C-alpha atoms as a PDB file:
ATOM      1  CA  MET A   1      42.105  91.723 -40.285  1.00  0.00           C
ATOM      2  CA  HIS A   2      44.794  94.279 -40.599  1.00  0.00           C
ATOM      3  CA  PRO A   3      46.287  95.382 -37.240  1.00  0.00           C
ATOM      4  CA  GLN A   4      45.490  99.017 -38.071  1.00  0.00           C
ATOM      5  CA  THR A   5      41.828  98.091 -38.545  1.00  0.00           C
ATOM      6  CA  LEU A   6      41.814  96.373 -35.156  1.00  0.00           C
ATOM      7  CA  ARG A   7      43.388  99.455 -33.537  1.00  0.00           C
ATOM      8  CA  GLN A   8      40.755 101.687 -35.142  1.00  0.00           C
ATOM      9  CA  TYR A   9      37.911  99.457 -33.902  1.00  0.00           C
ATOM     10  CA  ASP A  10      39.473  99.549 -30.436  1.00  0.00           C
ATOM     11  CA  ARG A  11      39.766 103.374 -30.517  1.00  0.00           C
ATOM     12  CA  LEU A  12      36.135 103.711 -31.621  1.00  0.00           C
ATOM     13  CA  GLY A  13      35.017 101.397 -28.815  1.00  0.00           C
ATOM     14  CA  LEU A  14      33.549  98.814 -31.167  1.00  0.00           C
ATOM     15  CA  VAL A  15      35.457  96.055 -29.382  1.00  0.00           C
ATOM     16  CA  GLN A  16      37.343  96.102 -26.071  1.00  0.00           C
ATOM     17  CA  PRO A  17      39.907  93.279 -26.072  1.00  0.00           C
ATOM     18  CA  GLU A  18      41.751  92.215 -22.952  1.00  0.00           C
ATOM     19  CA  ARG A  19      45.331  93.407 -22.641  1.00  0.00           C
ATOM     20  CA  THR A  20      48.505  91.474 -21.978  1.00  0.00           C
ATOM     21  CA  PRO A  21      50.998  92.815 -19.410  1.00  0.00           C
ATOM     22  CA  GLY A  22      53.027  94.147 -22.355  1.00  0.00           C
ATOM     23  CA  GLY A  23      50.025  96.043 -23.760  1.00  0.00           C
ATOM     24  CA  GLY A  24      49.151  93.649 -26.568  1.00  0.00           C
ATOM     25  CA  ARG A  25      45.558  92.900 -27.415  1.00  0.00           C
ATOM     26  CA  ARG A  26      43.985  89.524 -26.592  1.00  0.00           C
ATOM     27  CA  TYR A  27      40.725  88.782 -28.351  1.00  0.00           C
ATOM     28  CA  SER A  28      38.227  86.336 -26.891  1.00  0.00           C
ATOM     29  CA  ILE A  29      35.977  84.141 -29.003  1.00  0.00           C
ATOM     30  CA  ARG A  30      33.175  86.637 -28.359  1.00  0.00           C
ATOM     31  CA  ASP A  31      35.438  89.473 -29.561  1.00  0.00           C
ATOM     32  CA  VAL A  32      36.283  87.536 -32.740  1.00  0.00           C
ATOM     33  CA  ALA A  33      32.570  86.957 -33.431  1.00  0.00           C
ATOM     34  CA  LEU A  34      31.941  90.675 -32.891  1.00  0.00           C
ATOM     35  CA  LEU A  35      34.805  91.592 -35.226  1.00  0.00           C
ATOM     36  CA  ARG A  36      33.347  89.333 -37.907  1.00  0.00           C
ATOM     37  CA  GLU A  37      29.935  90.980 -37.461  1.00  0.00           C
ATOM     38  CA  ILE A  38      31.515  94.454 -37.707  1.00  0.00           C
ATOM     39  CA  GLN A  39      33.316  93.399 -40.873  1.00  0.00           C
ATOM     40  CA  ARG A  40      30.132  91.949 -42.368  1.00  0.00           C
ATOM     41  CA  LEU A  41      28.086  95.055 -41.579  1.00  0.00           C
ATOM     42  CA  SER A  42      30.697  97.444 -42.929  1.00  0.00           C
ATOM     43  CA  GLN A  43      31.782  95.519 -46.020  1.00  0.00           C
ATOM     44  CA  ASP A  44      28.733  93.500 -47.066  1.00  0.00           C
ATOM     45  CA  GLU A  45      25.995  95.870 -45.918  1.00  0.00           C
ATOM     46  CA  GLY A  46      27.863  99.116 -46.569  1.00  0.00           C
ATOM     47  CA  ILE A  47      27.198 100.579 -43.102  1.00  0.00           C
ATOM     48  CA  ASN A  48      29.716 103.126 -41.856  1.00  0.00           C
ATOM     49  CA  LEU A  49      31.508 102.549 -38.542  1.00  0.00           C
ATOM     50  CA  ALA A  50      29.323 105.040 -36.666  1.00  0.00           C
ATOM     51  CA  GLY A  51      26.272 103.088 -37.822  1.00  0.00           C
ATOM     52  CA  VAL A  52      27.902  99.804 -36.885  1.00  0.00           C
ATOM     53  CA  LYS A  53      28.669 101.170 -33.414  1.00  0.00           C
ATOM     54  CA  ARG A  54      25.044 102.252 -32.988  1.00  0.00           C
ATOM     55  CA  ILE A  55      23.777  98.839 -34.110  1.00  0.00           C
ATOM     56  CA  ILE A  56      26.054  97.096 -31.618  1.00  0.00           C
ATOM     57  CA  GLU A  57      24.939  99.431 -28.805  1.00  0.00           C
ATOM     58  CA  LEU A  58      21.279  98.789 -29.623  1.00  0.00           C
ATOM     59  CA  GLU A  59      21.823  95.023 -29.746  1.00  0.00           C
ATOM     60  CA  ARG A  60      23.518  95.127 -26.335  1.00  0.00           C
ATOM     61  CA  ALA A  61      20.707  97.271 -24.905  1.00  0.00           C
ATOM     62  CA  THR A  62      18.136  94.867 -26.336  1.00  0.00           C
ATOM     63  CA  ALA A  63      19.918  91.876 -24.797  1.00  0.00           C
ATOM     64  CA  ASP A  64      20.127  93.662 -21.427  1.00  0.00           C
ATOM     65  CA  LEU A  65      16.425  94.514 -21.550  1.00  0.00           C
ATOM     66  CA  GLN A  66      15.526  90.940 -22.480  1.00  0.00           C
ATOM     67  CA  ASP A  67      17.528  89.689 -19.486  1.00  0.00           C
ATOM     68  CA  ARG A  68      15.836  92.232 -17.234  1.00  0.00           C
ATOM     69  CA  LEU A  69      12.403  91.274 -18.584  1.00  0.00           C
ATOM     70  CA  ALA A  70      13.090  87.592 -17.921  1.00  0.00           C
ATOM     71  CA  THR A  71      14.123  88.437 -14.350  1.00  0.00           C
ATOM     72  CA  MET A  72      11.014  90.536 -13.799  1.00  0.00           C
ATOM     73  CA  GLU A  73       8.775  87.799 -15.232  1.00  0.00           C
ATOM     74  CA  HIS A  74      10.383  85.314 -12.838  1.00  0.00           C
ATOM     75  CA  GLU A  75       9.846  87.666  -9.876  1.00  0.00           C
ATOM     76  CA  LEU A  76       6.234  88.273 -10.928  1.00  0.00           C
ATOM     77  CA  ALA A  77       5.568  84.543 -11.166  1.00  0.00           C
ATOM     78  CA  ALA A  78       7.072  84.078  -7.697  1.00  0.00           C
ATOM     79  CA  ALA A  79       4.871  86.892  -6.337  1.00  0.00           C
ATOM     80  CA  TYR A  80       1.741  85.336  -7.869  1.00  0.00           C
ATOM     81  CA  GLN A  81       2.719  81.995  -6.381  1.00  0.00           C
ATOM     82  CA  ARG A  82       3.175  83.583  -2.945  1.00  0.00           C
ATOM     83  CA  ILE A  83      -0.223  85.273  -3.222  1.00  0.00           C
ATOM     84  CA  ALA A  84      -1.803  81.936  -4.137  1.00  0.00           C
ATOM     85  CA  GLU A  85      -0.106  80.309  -1.142  1.00  0.00           C
ATOM     86  CA  LEU A  86      -1.422  83.003   1.198  1.00  0.00           C
ATOM     87  CA  GLU A  87      -4.909  82.786  -0.259  1.00  0.00           C
ATOM     88  CA  SER A  88      -4.921  78.999   0.143  1.00  0.00           C
ATOM     89  CA  ILE A  89      -4.243  79.404   3.867  1.00  0.00           C
ATOM     90  CA  SER A  90      -7.194  81.731   4.264  1.00  0.00           C
ATOM     91  CA  ALA A  91      -9.210  83.939   2.002  1.00  0.00           C
ATOM     92  CA  PHE A  92      -8.502  86.740   4.457  1.00  0.00           C
ATOM     93  CA  PRO A  93      -5.096  86.300   6.091  1.00  0.00           C
ATOM     94  CA  ARG A  94      -5.652  89.240   8.391  1.00  0.00           C
ATOM     95  CA  ARG A  95      -8.373  88.363  10.849  1.00  0.00           C
ATOM     96  CA  ASP A  96      -9.082  92.021  11.615  1.00  0.00           C
ATOM     97  CA  LEU A  97     -10.209  92.669   8.037  1.00  0.00           C
ATOM     98  CA  LEU A  98     -13.641  91.630   6.907  1.00  0.00           C
ATOM     99  CA  PRO A  99     -14.882  91.513   3.335  1.00  0.00           C
ATOM    100  CA  THR A 100     -17.665  93.818   2.311  1.00  0.00           C
ATOM    101  CA  SER A 101     -19.897  93.362  -0.653  1.00  0.00           C
ATOM    102  CA  ARG A 102     -20.939  97.002  -0.856  1.00  0.00           C
ATOM    103  CA  PRO A 103     -19.431 100.279   0.244  1.00  0.00           C
ATOM    104  CA  SER A 104     -20.769 101.537   3.524  1.00  0.00           C
ATOM    105  CA  THR A 105     -21.704 105.089   4.382  1.00  0.00           C
ATOM    106  CA  ASP A 106     -22.478 104.272   8.017  1.00  0.00           C
ATOM    107  CA  VAL A 107     -20.881 106.377  10.699  1.00  0.00           C
ATOM    108  CA  VAL A 108     -18.929 104.350  13.222  1.00  0.00           C
ATOM    109  CA  LEU A 109     -17.907 105.721  16.611  1.00  0.00           C
ATOM    110  CA  TYR A 110     -14.534 104.685  17.814  1.00  0.00           C
ATOM    111  CA  ARG A 111     -13.596 104.780  21.464  1.00  0.00           C
ATOM    112  CA  THR A 112     -10.241 103.888  22.832  1.00  0.00           C
ATOM    113  CA  ALA A 113     -10.135 101.394  25.644  1.00  0.00           C
ATOM    114  CA  ARG A 114      -9.967 103.031  29.070  1.00  0.00           C
ATOM    115  CA  ARG A 115      -7.006 102.234  31.199  1.00  0.00           C
ATOM    116  CA  ARG A 116      -7.559 101.389  34.805  1.00  0.00           C
END
C-alpha cells in the first residue's frame, strides 16, 4: 500500500499501528490482516471508507458481545452447578424454611421471647 493510504487509514482510525520512538508506524500481523480487509472492502466491494469504518466497528462490537456472552454462559453454568450442589446437600438448605404445597391465609401470632 502507498504510505499516503496508510496515513489516511490511520487518520480515519481504521487501523492504529504501534509507533516507534522516532514516530514511525509499526504494523502487527493483525494490523496487516485488517489493512488487507479494508483494501478488499473498498476496492473489490466498492464500499467507501466511512462504510468500511462502520463495518469494522460492528465486527469489533460483535466479537466483544460474543466474548461477553461466552463469559455469561460460563457464569450461568457455574451458578446452576452451585445450585445443584446445594440441592444435593438438602432440598431445603435453610432449616427455618418449610415447603408449602398451597398458599396459606391463616393468621399467625408472633410473640417475641421474654427476657428474664
